[in-house]
Every structure is written in C-alpha cells, then in structure tokens.
Amino acid sequence: MEPVKLDVHVKESNNGTPSVAKLDGRLVLETVTEFLQTMRPQTSPSLVLDMSGVSFLDSAGVGALVQLFVHRRNQGQKFALAALTGQGTAVMQVSGLVKLLPIFASVAEAEQPPS
C-alpha cells in the first residue's frame, strides 16, 4: 500500500501579494502533523492555501486548517483558502467553517486586496 502523501510548495510573496502554498495530495490524519510543521513557521503577512490539488480532506485536515487560521490570526497574519475541490467544499460546508474561514473560488481572487 502506498503511503499517504501531501506535498506543500510555498511561493513566497512579492510586491505585497500574499504567499501562496500549493497543496497536492491528501490533507488527512496521516499528513496533518507535517503540514502544520511546514506551515506554522511561515511569517508572510498574508498566506493563501491553494487547495485545488487536495484530493481528500478529512476531519483531522479540517482541524489543522482551523489551527493554522487561529495561529496566524494570533500573530496578526492573514490566511485564506482558495480553489477547494468539490469534496473539500462539502466538508467545509458540513463543518460550518465557511462562515469562519475566508474561502475564495480561486487563488487570483484570494490575492486581490480587500475593497
């Protein structure tokens, strides 16, 4: 059986745009520890998680997203999710987190300054 993987590729910000972290794989119990260890040290003022490559999101993954959101908010840093898959969107809706977390249809939309 192949190990469960989540690859995280961070593109640092330039010209005041948010840093973007592209996630590829499964954000699940087996991958959340490494995900949080990778993402917590990110110090850019604004971070967008590109979720388009997340093939599966479970409750542990949702918990990790909330932890990262709270951690960044406590540091005065912004956080947003972008390009959730259908399954990811359904999980976020069922959990009620669409009201708490900033969620955008695309990375480009999340990168726009608030109007």
N, C-alpha and C. Protein backbone atom coordinates (compact mmCIF):
# COMPACT_ATOMS: atom_id res chain seq x y z
N MET A 1 0.84 -1.19 0.00
CA MET A 1 0.00 0.00 0.00
C MET A 1 0.88 1.24 0.00
N GLU A 2 0.53 2.19 -0.85
CA GLU A 2 1.31 3.41 -0.99
C GLU A 2 1.06 4.34 0.21
N PRO A 3 2.12 4.99 0.72
CA PRO A 3 1.92 5.90 1.85
C PRO A 3 1.08 7.12 1.44
N VAL A 4 0.34 7.62 2.41
CA VAL A 4 -0.47 8.81 2.17
C VAL A 4 0.46 10.02 2.14
N LYS A 5 0.31 10.86 1.12
CA LYS A 5 1.23 11.99 0.97
C LYS A 5 0.49 13.30 0.81
N LEU A 6 1.16 14.35 1.26
CA LEU A 6 0.71 15.72 1.00
C LEU A 6 1.97 16.52 0.71
N ASP A 7 2.06 17.04 -0.51
CA ASP A 7 3.19 17.90 -0.87
C ASP A 7 2.75 19.34 -0.73
N VAL A 8 3.64 20.16 -0.14
CA VAL A 8 3.36 21.58 0.05
C VAL A 8 4.47 22.37 -0.64
N HIS A 9 4.07 23.22 -1.59
CA HIS A 9 5.03 24.06 -2.31
C HIS A 9 4.66 25.52 -2.03
N VAL A 10 5.55 26.23 -1.33
CA VAL A 10 5.27 27.62 -0.95
C VAL A 10 5.97 28.56 -1.92
N LYS A 11 5.17 29.46 -2.49
CA LYS A 11 5.72 30.51 -3.35
C LYS A 11 5.66 31.79 -2.51
N GLU A 12 6.84 32.30 -2.18
CA GLU A 12 6.91 33.49 -1.33
C GLU A 12 6.29 34.69 -2.02
N SER A 13 5.82 35.61 -1.21
CA SER A 13 5.16 36.80 -1.75
C SER A 13 6.17 37.73 -2.41
N ASN A 14 5.65 38.52 -3.33
CA ASN A 14 6.44 39.60 -3.91
C ASN A 14 5.51 40.76 -4.20
N ASN A 15 6.02 41.94 -4.11
CA ASN A 15 5.24 43.15 -4.38
C ASN A 15 3.97 43.24 -3.53
N GLY A 16 4.03 42.74 -2.31
CA GLY A 16 2.89 42.86 -1.41
C GLY A 16 1.79 41.85 -1.63
N THR A 17 1.96 40.94 -2.60
CA THR A 17 0.94 39.91 -2.79
C THR A 17 1.14 38.83 -1.74
N PRO A 18 0.09 38.07 -1.43
CA PRO A 18 0.23 37.02 -0.42
C PRO A 18 1.17 35.91 -0.88
N SER A 19 1.78 35.24 0.08
CA SER A 19 2.47 33.99 -0.22
C SER A 19 1.39 32.96 -0.56
N VAL A 20 1.70 32.06 -1.48
CA VAL A 20 0.74 31.03 -1.86
C VAL A 20 1.38 29.67 -1.60
N ALA A 21 0.65 28.82 -0.86
CA ALA A 21 1.10 27.45 -0.62
C ALA A 21 0.19 26.52 -1.41
N LYS A 22 0.77 25.81 -2.37
CA LYS A 22 0.01 24.85 -3.19
C LYS A 22 0.08 23.50 -2.53
N LEU A 23 -1.07 22.94 -2.19
CA LEU A 23 -1.15 21.64 -1.55
C LEU A 23 -1.53 20.59 -2.59
N ASP A 24 -0.81 19.48 -2.61
CA ASP A 24 -1.10 18.37 -3.51
C ASP A 24 -1.12 17.08 -2.72
N GLY A 25 -2.24 16.39 -2.74
CA GLY A 25 -2.35 15.12 -2.03
C GLY A 25 -3.55 15.12 -1.11
N ARG A 26 -3.38 14.44 0.02
CA ARG A 26 -4.48 14.26 0.97
C ARG A 26 -4.15 14.98 2.28
N LEU A 27 -5.04 15.87 2.70
CA LEU A 27 -4.89 16.55 3.99
C LEU A 27 -5.73 15.76 4.99
N VAL A 28 -5.09 14.75 5.58
CA VAL A 28 -5.77 13.79 6.44
C VAL A 28 -4.92 13.52 7.69
N LEU A 29 -5.43 12.70 8.58
CA LEU A 29 -4.77 12.41 9.85
C LEU A 29 -3.29 12.10 9.67
N GLU A 30 -2.95 11.32 8.65
CA GLU A 30 -1.56 10.90 8.45
C GLU A 30 -0.65 12.04 7.99
N THR A 31 -1.21 13.14 7.49
CA THR A 31 -0.38 14.20 6.93
C THR A 31 -0.45 15.52 7.69
N VAL A 32 -1.35 15.65 8.68
CA VAL A 32 -1.54 16.96 9.31
C VAL A 32 -0.34 17.42 10.12
N THR A 33 0.35 16.52 10.78
CA THR A 33 1.49 16.93 11.61
C THR A 33 2.56 17.59 10.75
N GLU A 34 2.92 16.94 9.66
CA GLU A 34 3.94 17.51 8.77
C GLU A 34 3.44 18.80 8.13
N PHE A 35 2.16 18.84 7.77
CA PHE A 35 1.56 20.05 7.21
C PHE A 35 1.72 21.22 8.18
N LEU A 36 1.34 21.02 9.43
CA LEU A 36 1.44 22.11 10.42
C LEU A 36 2.89 22.49 10.69
N GLN A 37 3.80 21.52 10.72
CA GLN A 37 5.22 21.83 10.93
C GLN A 37 5.77 22.65 9.78
N THR A 38 5.26 22.45 8.58
CA THR A 38 5.70 23.20 7.42
C THR A 38 5.09 24.60 7.41
N MET A 39 3.82 24.70 7.77
CA MET A 39 3.09 25.96 7.59
C MET A 39 3.21 26.94 8.76
N ARG A 40 3.33 26.46 9.97
CA ARG A 40 3.38 27.38 11.11
C ARG A 40 4.53 28.37 11.06
N PRO A 41 5.72 27.97 10.61
CA PRO A 41 6.83 28.94 10.56
C PRO A 41 6.68 30.01 9.48
N GLN A 42 5.71 29.89 8.58
CA GLN A 42 5.54 30.89 7.52
C GLN A 42 5.19 32.24 8.14
N THR A 43 6.00 33.24 7.86
CA THR A 43 5.82 34.54 8.51
C THR A 43 5.28 35.63 7.58
N SER A 44 4.94 35.27 6.35
CA SER A 44 4.44 36.32 5.45
C SER A 44 3.15 36.89 6.04
N PRO A 45 2.92 38.20 5.85
CA PRO A 45 1.74 38.84 6.43
C PRO A 45 0.43 38.24 5.94
N SER A 46 0.46 37.66 4.73
CA SER A 46 -0.76 37.09 4.15
C SER A 46 -0.42 35.78 3.46
N LEU A 47 -1.23 34.75 3.72
CA LEU A 47 -0.98 33.42 3.17
C LEU A 47 -2.26 32.88 2.56
N VAL A 48 -2.16 32.39 1.32
CA VAL A 48 -3.27 31.74 0.64
C VAL A 48 -2.91 30.28 0.45
N LEU A 49 -3.79 29.37 0.88
CA LEU A 49 -3.60 27.95 0.63
C LEU A 49 -4.37 27.58 -0.63
N ASP A 50 -3.64 27.18 -1.67
CA ASP A 50 -4.25 26.71 -2.91
C ASP A 50 -4.62 25.25 -2.70
N MET A 51 -5.92 25.00 -2.52
CA MET A 51 -6.41 23.67 -2.18
C MET A 51 -6.82 22.85 -3.40
N SER A 52 -6.56 23.36 -4.60
CA SER A 52 -7.03 22.70 -5.82
C SER A 52 -6.45 21.30 -6.01
N GLY A 53 -5.28 21.04 -5.41
CA GLY A 53 -4.66 19.72 -5.56
C GLY A 53 -4.93 18.77 -4.41
N VAL A 54 -5.80 19.17 -3.47
CA VAL A 54 -6.12 18.31 -2.32
C VAL A 54 -7.22 17.34 -2.76
N SER A 55 -6.84 16.07 -2.89
CA SER A 55 -7.78 15.07 -3.38
C SER A 55 -8.75 14.59 -2.30
N PHE A 56 -8.37 14.75 -1.02
CA PHE A 56 -9.26 14.35 0.07
C PHE A 56 -8.94 15.15 1.32
N LEU A 57 -9.98 15.59 2.00
CA LEU A 57 -9.86 16.36 3.23
C LEU A 57 -10.73 15.69 4.28
N ASP A 58 -10.12 15.28 5.42
CA ASP A 58 -10.92 14.66 6.48
C ASP A 58 -11.01 15.60 7.68
N SER A 59 -11.62 15.13 8.76
CA SER A 59 -11.83 15.99 9.93
C SER A 59 -10.51 16.43 10.55
N ALA A 60 -9.49 15.60 10.51
CA ALA A 60 -8.17 15.99 11.03
C ALA A 60 -7.58 17.11 10.17
N GLY A 61 -7.79 17.02 8.87
CA GLY A 61 -7.32 18.08 7.97
C GLY A 61 -8.05 19.38 8.23
N VAL A 62 -9.35 19.31 8.46
CA VAL A 62 -10.13 20.50 8.78
C VAL A 62 -9.62 21.11 10.08
N GLY A 63 -9.35 20.25 11.08
CA GLY A 63 -8.81 20.73 12.35
C GLY A 63 -7.48 21.43 12.17
N ALA A 64 -6.63 20.90 11.28
CA ALA A 64 -5.33 21.52 11.02
C ALA A 64 -5.50 22.89 10.36
N LEU A 65 -6.48 23.01 9.47
CA LEU A 65 -6.73 24.31 8.83
C LEU A 65 -7.19 25.34 9.86
N VAL A 66 -8.05 24.91 10.78
CA VAL A 66 -8.52 25.81 11.84
C VAL A 66 -7.35 26.20 12.75
N GLN A 67 -6.51 25.24 13.12
CA GLN A 67 -5.33 25.54 13.95
C GLN A 67 -4.44 26.57 13.28
N LEU A 68 -4.19 26.39 11.99
CA LEU A 68 -3.34 27.32 11.26
C LEU A 68 -3.99 28.70 11.18
N PHE A 69 -5.29 28.75 10.93
CA PHE A 69 -6.02 30.01 10.90
C PHE A 69 -5.88 30.75 12.23
N VAL A 70 -6.12 30.05 13.34
CA VAL A 70 -6.05 30.67 14.68
C VAL A 70 -4.62 31.12 14.97
N HIS A 71 -3.64 30.27 14.66
CA HIS A 71 -2.23 30.60 14.88
C HIS A 71 -1.86 31.89 14.14
N ARG A 72 -2.23 31.97 12.87
CA ARG A 72 -1.88 33.15 12.07
C ARG A 72 -2.63 34.38 12.56
N ARG A 73 -3.90 34.23 12.92
CA ARG A 73 -4.67 35.36 13.43
C ARG A 73 -4.04 35.90 14.71
N ASN A 74 -3.60 35.00 15.59
CA ASN A 74 -2.94 35.42 16.83
C ASN A 74 -1.62 36.14 16.58
N GLN A 75 -1.00 35.89 15.44
CA GLN A 75 0.25 36.54 15.06
C GLN A 75 0.00 37.82 14.25
N GLY A 76 -1.27 38.15 14.03
CA GLY A 76 -1.62 39.32 13.23
C GLY A 76 -1.42 39.09 11.74
N GLN A 77 -1.45 37.82 11.32
CA GLN A 77 -1.24 37.47 9.91
C GLN A 77 -2.55 36.99 9.29
N LYS A 78 -2.69 37.24 8.01
CA LYS A 78 -3.90 36.84 7.30
C LYS A 78 -3.75 35.45 6.72
N PHE A 79 -4.91 34.84 6.45
CA PHE A 79 -4.97 33.46 5.98
C PHE A 79 -6.23 33.30 5.14
N ALA A 80 -6.12 32.58 4.04
CA ALA A 80 -7.30 32.30 3.21
C ALA A 80 -7.13 30.95 2.53
N LEU A 81 -8.26 30.33 2.22
CA LEU A 81 -8.29 29.11 1.43
C LEU A 81 -8.78 29.47 0.04
N ALA A 82 -8.25 28.80 -0.97
CA ALA A 82 -8.67 29.07 -2.34
C ALA A 82 -8.78 27.77 -3.12
N ALA A 83 -9.71 27.76 -4.06
CA ALA A 83 -9.85 26.68 -5.04
C ALA A 83 -10.09 25.31 -4.40
N LEU A 84 -10.99 25.27 -3.43
CA LEU A 84 -11.35 23.98 -2.83
C LEU A 84 -11.99 23.08 -3.88
N THR A 85 -11.73 21.79 -3.77
CA THR A 85 -12.38 20.81 -4.64
C THR A 85 -13.82 20.63 -4.17
N GLY A 86 -14.61 19.90 -4.92
CA GLY A 86 -15.99 19.64 -4.52
C GLY A 86 -16.07 18.97 -3.16
N GLN A 87 -15.22 17.96 -2.95
CA GLN A 87 -15.22 17.26 -1.67
C GLN A 87 -14.78 18.19 -0.54
N GLY A 88 -13.76 19.00 -0.79
CA GLY A 88 -13.29 19.94 0.22
C GLY A 88 -14.36 20.97 0.57
N THR A 89 -15.05 21.46 -0.45
CA THR A 89 -16.13 22.43 -0.22
C THR A 89 -17.23 21.81 0.61
N ALA A 90 -17.60 20.57 0.30
CA ALA A 90 -18.66 19.88 1.05
C ALA A 90 -18.27 19.72 2.51
N VAL A 91 -17.03 19.33 2.77
CA VAL A 91 -16.56 19.14 4.15
C VAL A 91 -16.60 20.47 4.90
N MET A 92 -16.16 21.54 4.25
CA MET A 92 -16.17 22.85 4.90
C MET A 92 -17.59 23.32 5.18
N GLN A 93 -18.53 23.03 4.28
CA GLN A 93 -19.93 23.43 4.49
C GLN A 93 -20.55 22.63 5.64
N VAL A 94 -20.34 21.32 5.65
CA VAL A 94 -20.91 20.47 6.70
C VAL A 94 -20.37 20.87 8.06
N SER A 95 -19.09 21.24 8.12
CA SER A 95 -18.47 21.61 9.39
C SER A 95 -18.85 23.03 9.83
N GLY A 96 -19.47 23.78 8.94
CA GLY A 96 -19.86 25.15 9.27
C GLY A 96 -18.73 26.16 9.18
N LEU A 97 -17.59 25.74 8.65
CA LEU A 97 -16.42 26.63 8.63
C LEU A 97 -16.44 27.64 7.50
N VAL A 98 -17.38 27.52 6.58
CA VAL A 98 -17.46 28.52 5.52
C VAL A 98 -17.80 29.89 6.10
N LYS A 99 -18.36 29.92 7.30
CA LYS A 99 -18.67 31.18 7.96
C LYS A 99 -17.48 31.75 8.73
N LEU A 100 -16.52 30.90 9.09
CA LEU A 100 -15.37 31.32 9.89
C LEU A 100 -14.14 31.63 9.04
N LEU A 101 -13.81 30.74 8.13
CA LEU A 101 -12.58 30.87 7.35
C LEU A 101 -12.83 31.64 6.06
N PRO A 102 -11.88 32.52 5.69
CA PRO A 102 -12.00 33.18 4.38
C PRO A 102 -11.74 32.17 3.27
N ILE A 103 -12.75 31.94 2.42
CA ILE A 103 -12.65 30.96 1.34
C ILE A 103 -12.96 31.66 0.02
N PHE A 104 -12.08 31.45 -0.97
CA PHE A 104 -12.23 32.08 -2.27
C PHE A 104 -12.29 31.02 -3.37
N ALA A 105 -12.93 31.35 -4.46
CA ALA A 105 -13.08 30.41 -5.58
C ALA A 105 -11.75 30.13 -6.27
N SER A 106 -10.83 31.11 -6.25
CA SER A 106 -9.55 30.93 -6.94
C SER A 106 -8.44 31.65 -6.18
N VAL A 107 -7.21 31.28 -6.48
CA VAL A 107 -6.06 31.95 -5.88
C VAL A 107 -6.04 33.41 -6.29
N ALA A 108 -6.32 33.68 -7.57
CA ALA A 108 -6.31 35.07 -8.06
C ALA A 108 -7.31 35.92 -7.27
N GLU A 109 -8.48 35.37 -6.98
CA GLU A 109 -9.48 36.11 -6.21
C GLU A 109 -8.98 36.36 -4.79
N ALA A 110 -8.34 35.36 -4.19
CA ALA A 110 -7.83 35.50 -2.82
C ALA A 110 -6.69 36.51 -2.74
N GLU A 111 -5.95 36.68 -3.84
CA GLU A 111 -4.82 37.60 -3.85
C GLU A 111 -5.25 39.06 -3.98
N GLN A 112 -6.49 39.31 -4.37
CA GLN A 112 -6.95 40.68 -4.54
C GLN A 112 -7.02 41.39 -3.19
N PRO A 113 -6.57 42.65 -3.14
CA PRO A 113 -6.70 43.37 -1.89
C PRO A 113 -8.17 43.60 -1.56
N PRO A 114 -8.51 43.59 -0.26
CA PRO A 114 -9.91 43.81 0.11
C PRO A 114 -10.39 45.19 -0.35
N SER A 115 -11.62 45.22 -0.80
CA SER A 115 -12.14 46.52 -1.29
C SER A 115 -12.89 47.26 -0.21
